[in-house]
Amino acid sequence: MSNLSFRAMLTADLDAVLLLELASHTHPWTRGNFTDSLAAGHWAYCVESEESNSLWAYFILFPAVEELHLLNITVNPAVRRRGIGKYLMTAIENIARQSYCQRIILEVRSSNFIAMKLYERLGFELIGQRKKYYPVDALSGVREDAEVMAKSLKIDTL
């Protein structure tokens, strides 16, 4: 993964980010969701291949008092199953530690077994559920539950 670089997401990146978002999710974030996150000061990162300067992934974090909330993490479908998700989660954990956050929290669709297994392997635990959190079908109004997962971090203080 040494060929991947992390940089702050900019408004100019949103066309590429939206293409990846649309290719990855049945109910993707909108341009407005991303714009609002950037305007709110959320920590948004693009992850690019240094060789091709192509967008491989992105993630958005919301820092709160002693806690880091993972709002969105997406890996390009063309490069999945290469350990990039694990690599990104390790980077997010490092960001949390450097920011003296004591916990990372996230929501994941109840049907997203692959992501839940990854989070469990990385030490996240199920701490709750948000009923009807994610849309499934906009026409019918059907919604899916979210599993709330968290990982407590040991922070070294001076």
N, C-alpha and C. Protein backbone atom coordinates (compact mmCIF):
# COMPACT_ATOMS: atom_id res chain seq x y z
N MET A 1 0.82 -1.20 0.00
CA MET A 1 0.00 0.00 0.00
C MET A 1 0.86 1.26 0.00
N SER A 2 2.15 1.10 -0.15
CA SER A 2 3.04 2.27 -0.12
C SER A 2 2.82 3.18 -1.32
N ASN A 3 2.11 2.69 -2.33
CA ASN A 3 1.86 3.52 -3.51
C ASN A 3 0.59 4.35 -3.38
N LEU A 4 -0.04 4.34 -2.19
CA LEU A 4 -1.25 5.13 -1.97
C LEU A 4 -0.91 6.39 -1.20
N SER A 5 -1.52 7.49 -1.61
CA SER A 5 -1.32 8.75 -0.90
C SER A 5 -2.66 9.28 -0.42
N PHE A 6 -2.63 9.92 0.73
CA PHE A 6 -3.81 10.51 1.35
C PHE A 6 -3.70 12.02 1.23
N ARG A 7 -4.81 12.66 0.88
CA ARG A 7 -4.83 14.11 0.86
C ARG A 7 -6.24 14.60 1.17
N ALA A 8 -6.32 15.84 1.57
CA ALA A 8 -7.62 16.41 1.91
C ALA A 8 -8.51 16.44 0.67
N MET A 9 -9.77 16.08 0.86
CA MET A 9 -10.74 16.17 -0.22
C MET A 9 -11.10 17.64 -0.44
N LEU A 10 -11.16 18.03 -1.70
CA LEU A 10 -11.51 19.39 -2.07
C LEU A 10 -12.81 19.39 -2.86
N THR A 11 -13.45 20.52 -2.94
CA THR A 11 -14.66 20.64 -3.76
C THR A 11 -14.39 20.21 -5.19
N ALA A 12 -13.19 20.50 -5.68
CA ALA A 12 -12.82 20.12 -7.05
C ALA A 12 -12.78 18.60 -7.25
N ASP A 13 -12.72 17.84 -6.17
CA ASP A 13 -12.68 16.37 -6.26
C ASP A 13 -14.07 15.75 -6.38
N LEU A 14 -15.12 16.53 -6.18
CA LEU A 14 -16.45 15.95 -6.03
C LEU A 14 -16.96 15.21 -7.26
N ASP A 15 -16.58 15.62 -8.46
CA ASP A 15 -17.03 14.87 -9.65
C ASP A 15 -16.50 13.44 -9.59
N ALA A 16 -15.22 13.28 -9.31
CA ALA A 16 -14.62 11.93 -9.23
C ALA A 16 -15.17 11.16 -8.04
N VAL A 17 -15.34 11.83 -6.91
CA VAL A 17 -15.88 11.19 -5.71
C VAL A 17 -17.31 10.70 -5.98
N LEU A 18 -18.11 11.53 -6.62
CA LEU A 18 -19.50 11.14 -6.91
C LEU A 18 -19.57 9.96 -7.87
N LEU A 19 -18.68 9.90 -8.85
CA LEU A 19 -18.65 8.74 -9.75
C LEU A 19 -18.38 7.46 -8.96
N LEU A 20 -17.43 7.52 -8.05
CA LEU A 20 -17.10 6.36 -7.23
C LEU A 20 -18.25 6.04 -6.27
N GLU A 21 -18.86 7.06 -5.69
CA GLU A 21 -20.00 6.87 -4.79
C GLU A 21 -21.15 6.18 -5.52
N LEU A 22 -21.46 6.64 -6.73
CA LEU A 22 -22.55 6.05 -7.52
C LEU A 22 -22.26 4.60 -7.91
N ALA A 23 -21.00 4.30 -8.18
CA ALA A 23 -20.62 2.95 -8.57
C ALA A 23 -20.60 1.99 -7.39
N SER A 24 -20.61 2.54 -6.17
CA SER A 24 -20.39 1.72 -4.99
C SER A 24 -21.63 1.49 -4.12
N HIS A 25 -22.60 2.36 -4.20
CA HIS A 25 -23.71 2.31 -3.25
C HIS A 25 -25.06 2.36 -3.96
N THR A 26 -26.01 1.59 -3.45
CA THR A 26 -27.36 1.61 -4.01
C THR A 26 -28.08 2.91 -3.65
N HIS A 27 -27.72 3.51 -2.54
CA HIS A 27 -28.27 4.80 -2.13
C HIS A 27 -27.12 5.72 -1.79
N PRO A 28 -26.49 6.27 -2.82
CA PRO A 28 -25.27 7.06 -2.61
C PRO A 28 -25.55 8.42 -1.98
N TRP A 29 -24.50 8.95 -1.37
CA TRP A 29 -24.54 10.33 -0.92
C TRP A 29 -24.71 11.22 -2.15
N THR A 30 -25.31 12.36 -1.95
CA THR A 30 -25.47 13.34 -3.03
C THR A 30 -24.31 14.33 -3.00
N ARG A 31 -24.20 15.11 -4.04
CA ARG A 31 -23.20 16.19 -4.06
C ARG A 31 -23.43 17.10 -2.84
N GLY A 32 -24.69 17.34 -2.52
CA GLY A 32 -25.01 18.18 -1.36
C GLY A 32 -24.51 17.58 -0.06
N ASN A 33 -24.61 16.25 0.08
CA ASN A 33 -24.09 15.61 1.30
C ASN A 33 -22.58 15.85 1.44
N PHE A 34 -21.87 15.69 0.34
CA PHE A 34 -20.42 15.91 0.38
C PHE A 34 -20.09 17.38 0.61
N THR A 35 -20.78 18.25 -0.09
CA THR A 35 -20.55 19.69 0.07
C THR A 35 -20.82 20.12 1.50
N ASP A 36 -21.91 19.62 2.07
CA ASP A 36 -22.24 19.95 3.46
C ASP A 36 -21.16 19.46 4.42
N SER A 37 -20.65 18.26 4.19
CA SER A 37 -19.59 17.73 5.05
C SER A 37 -18.33 18.58 4.97
N LEU A 38 -17.96 18.95 3.76
CA LEU A 38 -16.78 19.81 3.60
C LEU A 38 -16.99 21.16 4.28
N ALA A 39 -18.18 21.74 4.10
CA ALA A 39 -18.48 23.04 4.70
C ALA A 39 -18.51 22.96 6.23
N ALA A 40 -18.92 21.80 6.76
CA ALA A 40 -19.01 21.63 8.21
C ALA A 40 -17.64 21.38 8.85
N GLY A 41 -16.63 21.21 8.01
CA GLY A 41 -15.30 20.98 8.55
C GLY A 41 -15.00 19.54 8.89
N HIS A 42 -15.82 18.62 8.38
CA HIS A 42 -15.51 17.21 8.58
C HIS A 42 -14.17 16.91 7.93
N TRP A 43 -13.49 15.93 8.45
CA TRP A 43 -12.19 15.55 7.90
C TRP A 43 -12.43 14.60 6.74
N ALA A 44 -12.23 15.08 5.54
CA ALA A 44 -12.50 14.30 4.33
C ALA A 44 -11.19 14.06 3.59
N TYR A 45 -10.95 12.82 3.21
CA TYR A 45 -9.70 12.43 2.57
C TYR A 45 -9.97 11.69 1.27
N CYS A 46 -9.15 11.99 0.27
CA CYS A 46 -9.09 11.20 -0.95
C CYS A 46 -7.86 10.32 -0.85
N VAL A 47 -7.97 9.10 -1.33
CA VAL A 47 -6.86 8.16 -1.34
C VAL A 47 -6.59 7.82 -2.79
N GLU A 48 -5.40 8.14 -3.23
CA GLU A 48 -5.06 7.99 -4.64
C GLU A 48 -3.85 7.09 -4.84
N SER A 49 -3.82 6.46 -5.99
CA SER A 49 -2.65 5.70 -6.41
C SER A 49 -1.62 6.70 -6.92
N GLU A 50 -0.42 6.65 -6.37
CA GLU A 50 0.62 7.57 -6.81
C GLU A 50 1.05 7.29 -8.25
N GLU A 51 0.90 6.03 -8.67
CA GLU A 51 1.31 5.67 -10.03
C GLU A 51 0.37 6.23 -11.08
N SER A 52 -0.93 6.18 -10.80
CA SER A 52 -1.90 6.58 -11.83
C SER A 52 -2.67 7.85 -11.49
N ASN A 53 -2.44 8.39 -10.29
CA ASN A 53 -3.21 9.56 -9.81
C ASN A 53 -4.70 9.32 -9.89
N SER A 54 -5.12 8.06 -9.77
CA SER A 54 -6.55 7.76 -9.82
C SER A 54 -7.08 7.59 -8.40
N LEU A 55 -8.36 7.91 -8.24
CA LEU A 55 -9.02 7.83 -6.94
C LEU A 55 -9.33 6.37 -6.62
N TRP A 56 -8.73 5.86 -5.57
CA TRP A 56 -8.96 4.49 -5.16
C TRP A 56 -9.96 4.41 -4.03
N ALA A 57 -10.05 5.48 -3.23
CA ALA A 57 -10.95 5.43 -2.07
C ALA A 57 -11.10 6.84 -1.50
N TYR A 58 -12.03 6.95 -0.59
CA TYR A 58 -12.17 8.18 0.19
C TYR A 58 -12.86 7.85 1.49
N PHE A 59 -12.71 8.74 2.45
CA PHE A 59 -13.44 8.59 3.70
C PHE A 59 -13.67 9.95 4.32
N ILE A 60 -14.73 10.00 5.13
CA ILE A 60 -15.11 11.24 5.79
C ILE A 60 -15.30 10.95 7.27
N LEU A 61 -14.67 11.78 8.09
CA LEU A 61 -14.69 11.61 9.54
C LEU A 61 -15.29 12.84 10.19
N PHE A 62 -16.03 12.61 11.26
CA PHE A 62 -16.58 13.71 12.04
C PHE A 62 -15.97 13.64 13.43
N PRO A 63 -15.09 14.59 13.75
CA PRO A 63 -14.49 14.58 15.09
C PRO A 63 -15.44 15.20 16.11
N ALA A 64 -15.60 14.52 17.22
CA ALA A 64 -16.37 15.04 18.34
C ALA A 64 -15.47 14.93 19.57
N VAL A 65 -15.93 15.39 20.68
CA VAL A 65 -15.10 15.36 21.89
C VAL A 65 -14.68 13.92 22.18
N GLU A 66 -13.40 13.66 22.06
CA GLU A 66 -12.79 12.36 22.37
C GLU A 66 -13.34 11.19 21.56
N GLU A 67 -14.02 11.49 20.44
CA GLU A 67 -14.59 10.43 19.62
C GLU A 67 -14.48 10.82 18.15
N LEU A 68 -14.26 9.84 17.31
CA LEU A 68 -14.20 10.05 15.88
C LEU A 68 -15.28 9.20 15.24
N HIS A 69 -16.18 9.85 14.49
CA HIS A 69 -17.30 9.15 13.86
C HIS A 69 -16.96 8.99 12.37
N LEU A 70 -16.92 7.76 11.91
CA LEU A 70 -16.69 7.45 10.50
C LEU A 70 -18.03 7.58 9.78
N LEU A 71 -18.14 8.60 8.93
CA LEU A 71 -19.41 8.87 8.24
C LEU A 71 -19.52 8.14 6.91
N ASN A 72 -18.42 8.02 6.19
CA ASN A 72 -18.45 7.40 4.87
C ASN A 72 -17.06 6.87 4.57
N ILE A 73 -17.00 5.65 4.11
CA ILE A 73 -15.75 5.06 3.62
C ILE A 73 -16.10 4.26 2.38
N THR A 74 -15.39 4.52 1.31
CA THR A 74 -15.70 3.86 0.04
C THR A 74 -14.40 3.52 -0.67
N VAL A 75 -14.31 2.28 -1.13
CA VAL A 75 -13.18 1.81 -1.93
C VAL A 75 -13.68 1.53 -3.33
N ASN A 76 -12.94 1.98 -4.31
CA ASN A 76 -13.28 1.76 -5.71
C ASN A 76 -13.51 0.27 -5.96
N PRO A 77 -14.66 -0.10 -6.54
CA PRO A 77 -14.94 -1.53 -6.79
C PRO A 77 -13.85 -2.21 -7.61
N ALA A 78 -13.15 -1.49 -8.45
CA ALA A 78 -12.11 -2.10 -9.30
C ALA A 78 -10.88 -2.54 -8.50
N VAL A 79 -10.71 -2.04 -7.29
CA VAL A 79 -9.52 -2.40 -6.51
C VAL A 79 -9.88 -3.02 -5.16
N ARG A 80 -11.11 -3.50 -5.02
CA ARG A 80 -11.51 -4.15 -3.77
C ARG A 80 -10.88 -5.52 -3.65
N ARG A 81 -10.91 -6.06 -2.44
CA ARG A 81 -10.37 -7.39 -2.12
C ARG A 81 -8.85 -7.42 -2.21
N ARG A 82 -8.21 -6.26 -1.96
CA ARG A 82 -6.74 -6.16 -1.95
C ARG A 82 -6.22 -5.69 -0.59
N GLY A 83 -7.10 -5.63 0.40
CA GLY A 83 -6.68 -5.18 1.71
C GLY A 83 -6.73 -3.68 1.91
N ILE A 84 -7.31 -2.96 0.97
CA ILE A 84 -7.35 -1.50 1.06
C ILE A 84 -8.27 -1.05 2.20
N GLY A 85 -9.40 -1.72 2.37
CA GLY A 85 -10.31 -1.37 3.47
C GLY A 85 -9.61 -1.48 4.81
N LYS A 86 -8.89 -2.56 5.03
CA LYS A 86 -8.14 -2.74 6.28
C LYS A 86 -7.08 -1.65 6.42
N TYR A 87 -6.40 -1.36 5.34
CA TYR A 87 -5.36 -0.32 5.34
C TYR A 87 -5.96 1.04 5.71
N LEU A 88 -7.12 1.36 5.14
CA LEU A 88 -7.78 2.63 5.45
C LEU A 88 -8.23 2.68 6.90
N MET A 89 -8.77 1.58 7.40
CA MET A 89 -9.23 1.57 8.79
C MET A 89 -8.05 1.74 9.75
N THR A 90 -6.90 1.19 9.41
CA THR A 90 -5.70 1.39 10.22
C THR A 90 -5.29 2.85 10.19
N ALA A 91 -5.36 3.46 9.02
CA ALA A 91 -5.03 4.89 8.90
C ALA A 91 -6.02 5.73 9.72
N ILE A 92 -7.29 5.39 9.67
CA ILE A 92 -8.30 6.12 10.44
C ILE A 92 -8.03 5.98 11.94
N GLU A 93 -7.64 4.79 12.35
CA GLU A 93 -7.30 4.59 13.76
C GLU A 93 -6.10 5.46 14.15
N ASN A 94 -5.12 5.56 13.27
CA ASN A 94 -3.96 6.42 13.55
C ASN A 94 -4.37 7.88 13.64
N ILE A 95 -5.27 8.31 12.76
CA ILE A 95 -5.77 9.69 12.82
C ILE A 95 -6.47 9.92 14.16
N ALA A 96 -7.26 8.96 14.58
CA ALA A 96 -7.97 9.07 15.86
C ALA A 96 -6.98 9.20 17.02
N ARG A 97 -5.97 8.35 17.03
CA ARG A 97 -4.98 8.39 18.10
C ARG A 97 -4.24 9.72 18.13
N GLN A 98 -3.82 10.20 16.96
CA GLN A 98 -3.10 11.47 16.88
C GLN A 98 -3.97 12.64 17.32
N SER A 99 -5.28 12.47 17.23
CA SER A 99 -6.23 13.52 17.62
C SER A 99 -6.74 13.31 19.04
N TYR A 100 -6.15 12.34 19.74
CA TYR A 100 -6.52 12.02 21.13
C TYR A 100 -7.99 11.61 21.27
N CYS A 101 -8.50 10.96 20.23
CA CYS A 101 -9.86 10.40 20.31
C CYS A 101 -9.77 9.04 21.00
N GLN A 102 -10.68 8.79 21.89
CA GLN A 102 -10.65 7.55 22.66
C GLN A 102 -11.52 6.46 22.05
N ARG A 103 -12.28 6.83 21.01
CA ARG A 103 -13.17 5.83 20.42
C ARG A 103 -13.48 6.21 18.98
N ILE A 104 -13.63 5.19 18.14
CA ILE A 104 -14.13 5.36 16.77
C ILE A 104 -15.50 4.70 16.74
N ILE A 105 -16.45 5.38 16.14
CA ILE A 105 -17.81 4.85 16.03
C ILE A 105 -18.24 4.92 14.57
N LEU A 106 -19.06 3.97 14.15
CA LEU A 106 -19.54 3.93 12.77
C LEU A 106 -20.87 3.22 12.71
N GLU A 107 -21.59 3.44 11.63
CA GLU A 107 -22.80 2.67 11.31
C GLU A 107 -22.53 1.88 10.04
N VAL A 108 -23.11 0.70 9.98
CA VAL A 108 -22.98 -0.14 8.79
C VAL A 108 -24.32 -0.82 8.55
N ARG A 109 -24.71 -0.92 7.28
CA ARG A 109 -25.97 -1.59 6.95
C ARG A 109 -25.98 -2.99 7.54
N SER A 110 -27.12 -3.39 8.05
CA SER A 110 -27.26 -4.74 8.62
C SER A 110 -26.97 -5.82 7.60
N SER A 111 -27.18 -5.52 6.32
CA SER A 111 -26.94 -6.51 5.26
C SER A 111 -25.49 -6.52 4.76
N ASN A 112 -24.66 -5.61 5.24
CA ASN A 112 -23.28 -5.52 4.74
C ASN A 112 -22.36 -6.40 5.59
N PHE A 113 -22.51 -7.70 5.40
CA PHE A 113 -21.78 -8.68 6.21
C PHE A 113 -20.27 -8.58 6.01
N ILE A 114 -19.84 -8.27 4.79
CA ILE A 114 -18.40 -8.19 4.51
C ILE A 114 -17.77 -7.08 5.35
N ALA A 115 -18.40 -5.91 5.35
CA ALA A 115 -17.86 -4.80 6.13
C ALA A 115 -17.90 -5.11 7.63
N MET A 116 -19.00 -5.68 8.09
CA MET A 116 -19.10 -5.99 9.53
C MET A 116 -18.02 -6.97 9.96
N LYS A 117 -17.73 -7.97 9.14
CA LYS A 117 -16.67 -8.93 9.47
C LYS A 117 -15.31 -8.23 9.53
N LEU A 118 -15.06 -7.33 8.59
CA LEU A 118 -13.80 -6.58 8.61
C LEU A 118 -13.70 -5.77 9.90
N TYR A 119 -14.75 -5.04 10.23
CA TYR A 119 -14.72 -4.23 11.45
C TYR A 119 -14.52 -5.09 12.69
N GLU A 120 -15.17 -6.24 12.74
CA GLU A 120 -15.00 -7.15 13.88
C GLU A 120 -13.56 -7.62 13.97
N ARG A 121 -12.96 -8.00 12.84
CA ARG A 121 -11.55 -8.44 12.83
C ARG A 121 -10.63 -7.34 13.32
N LEU A 122 -11.02 -6.09 13.11
CA LEU A 122 -10.19 -4.96 13.51
C LEU A 122 -10.49 -4.49 14.93
N GLY A 123 -11.33 -5.22 15.64
CA GLY A 123 -11.57 -4.91 17.04
C GLY A 123 -12.80 -4.08 17.34
N PHE A 124 -13.64 -3.84 16.34
CA PHE A 124 -14.88 -3.11 16.58
C PHE A 124 -15.91 -4.06 17.18
N GLU A 125 -16.73 -3.50 18.05
CA GLU A 125 -17.78 -4.28 18.70
C GLU A 125 -19.13 -3.65 18.41
N LEU A 126 -20.13 -4.50 18.33
CA LEU A 126 -21.50 -4.04 18.14
C LEU A 126 -21.97 -3.39 19.43
N ILE A 127 -22.42 -2.12 19.35
CA ILE A 127 -22.86 -1.42 20.56
C ILE A 127 -24.33 -1.01 20.48
N GLY A 128 -24.95 -1.21 19.33
CA GLY A 128 -26.35 -0.83 19.22
C GLY A 128 -26.85 -0.97 17.80
N GLN A 129 -28.06 -0.51 17.61
CA GLN A 129 -28.69 -0.59 16.30
C GLN A 129 -29.56 0.65 16.10
N ARG A 130 -29.53 1.19 14.90
CA ARG A 130 -30.41 2.30 14.55
C ARG A 130 -31.47 1.73 13.59
N LYS A 131 -32.69 1.69 14.07
CA LYS A 131 -33.79 1.12 13.28
C LYS A 131 -34.10 2.01 12.07
N LYS A 132 -34.28 1.35 10.93
CA LYS A 132 -34.69 2.03 9.69
C LYS A 132 -33.81 3.24 9.37
N TYR A 133 -32.53 3.07 9.50
CA TYR A 133 -31.55 4.15 9.33
C TYR A 133 -31.24 4.43 7.86
N TYR A 134 -31.06 3.36 7.09
CA TYR A 134 -30.65 3.50 5.69
C TYR A 134 -31.84 3.29 4.75
N PRO A 135 -31.95 4.11 3.69
CA PRO A 135 -32.99 3.85 2.69
C PRO A 135 -32.66 2.59 1.88
N VAL A 136 -33.70 1.86 1.53
CA VAL A 136 -33.56 0.69 0.66
C VAL A 136 -34.26 0.99 -0.66
N ASP A 137 -35.48 1.50 -0.57
CA ASP A 137 -36.28 1.81 -1.75
C ASP A 137 -37.01 3.13 -1.51
N ALA A 138 -36.61 4.14 -2.24
CA ALA A 138 -37.19 5.47 -2.05
C ALA A 138 -38.68 5.50 -2.40
N LEU A 139 -39.08 4.72 -3.40
CA LEU A 139 -40.49 4.74 -3.80
C LEU A 139 -41.41 4.14 -2.75
N SER A 140 -40.99 3.03 -2.18
CA SER A 140 -41.83 2.36 -1.19
C SER A 140 -41.59 2.88 0.23
N GLY A 141 -40.46 3.55 0.42
CA GLY A 141 -40.13 4.03 1.76
C GLY A 141 -39.49 2.98 2.65
N VAL A 142 -39.17 1.81 2.08
CA VAL A 142 -38.54 0.74 2.85
C VAL A 142 -37.15 1.20 3.28
N ARG A 143 -36.82 0.89 4.53
CA ARG A 143 -35.54 1.28 5.09
C ARG A 143 -34.90 0.08 5.79
N GLU A 144 -33.59 0.15 5.95
CA GLU A 144 -32.81 -0.93 6.55
C GLU A 144 -32.16 -0.44 7.84
N ASP A 145 -32.04 -1.35 8.80
CA ASP A 145 -31.39 -1.02 10.06
C ASP A 145 -29.89 -0.82 9.86
N ALA A 146 -29.31 -0.06 10.76
CA ALA A 146 -27.85 0.11 10.81
C ALA A 146 -27.35 -0.51 12.10
N GLU A 147 -26.26 -1.23 11.98
CA GLU A 147 -25.56 -1.73 13.16
C GLU A 147 -24.57 -0.65 13.57
N VAL A 148 -24.56 -0.30 14.83
CA VAL A 148 -23.62 0.70 15.35
C VAL A 148 -22.47 -0.07 15.98
N MET A 149 -21.27 0.24 15.50
CA MET A 149 -20.07 -0.44 15.98
C MET A 149 -19.09 0.60 16.50
N ALA A 150 -18.28 0.18 17.47
CA ALA A 150 -17.30 1.10 18.04
C ALA A 150 -16.04 0.34 18.43
N LYS A 151 -14.97 1.09 18.46
CA LYS A 151 -13.69 0.55 18.93
C LYS A 151 -13.09 1.56 19.89
N SER A 152 -12.82 1.11 21.10
CA SER A 152 -12.15 1.96 22.07
C SER A 152 -10.65 1.91 21.84
N LEU A 153 -10.01 3.04 22.00
CA LEU A 153 -8.58 3.16 21.76
C LEU A 153 -7.87 3.53 23.05
N LYS A 154 -6.70 2.99 23.22
CA LYS A 154 -5.86 3.40 24.33
C LYS A 154 -4.98 4.52 23.82
N ILE A 155 -5.07 5.64 24.48
CA ILE A 155 -4.32 6.81 24.05
C ILE A 155 -3.19 7.06 25.05
N ASP A 156 -1.97 7.12 24.53
CA ASP A 156 -0.84 7.46 25.39
C ASP A 156 -0.79 8.96 25.59
N THR A 157 -0.80 9.37 26.83
CA THR A 157 -0.70 10.80 27.14
C THR A 157 0.59 11.05 27.88
N LEU A 158 1.09 12.22 27.75
CA LEU A 158 2.35 12.57 28.43
C LEU A 158 2.12 12.94 29.86
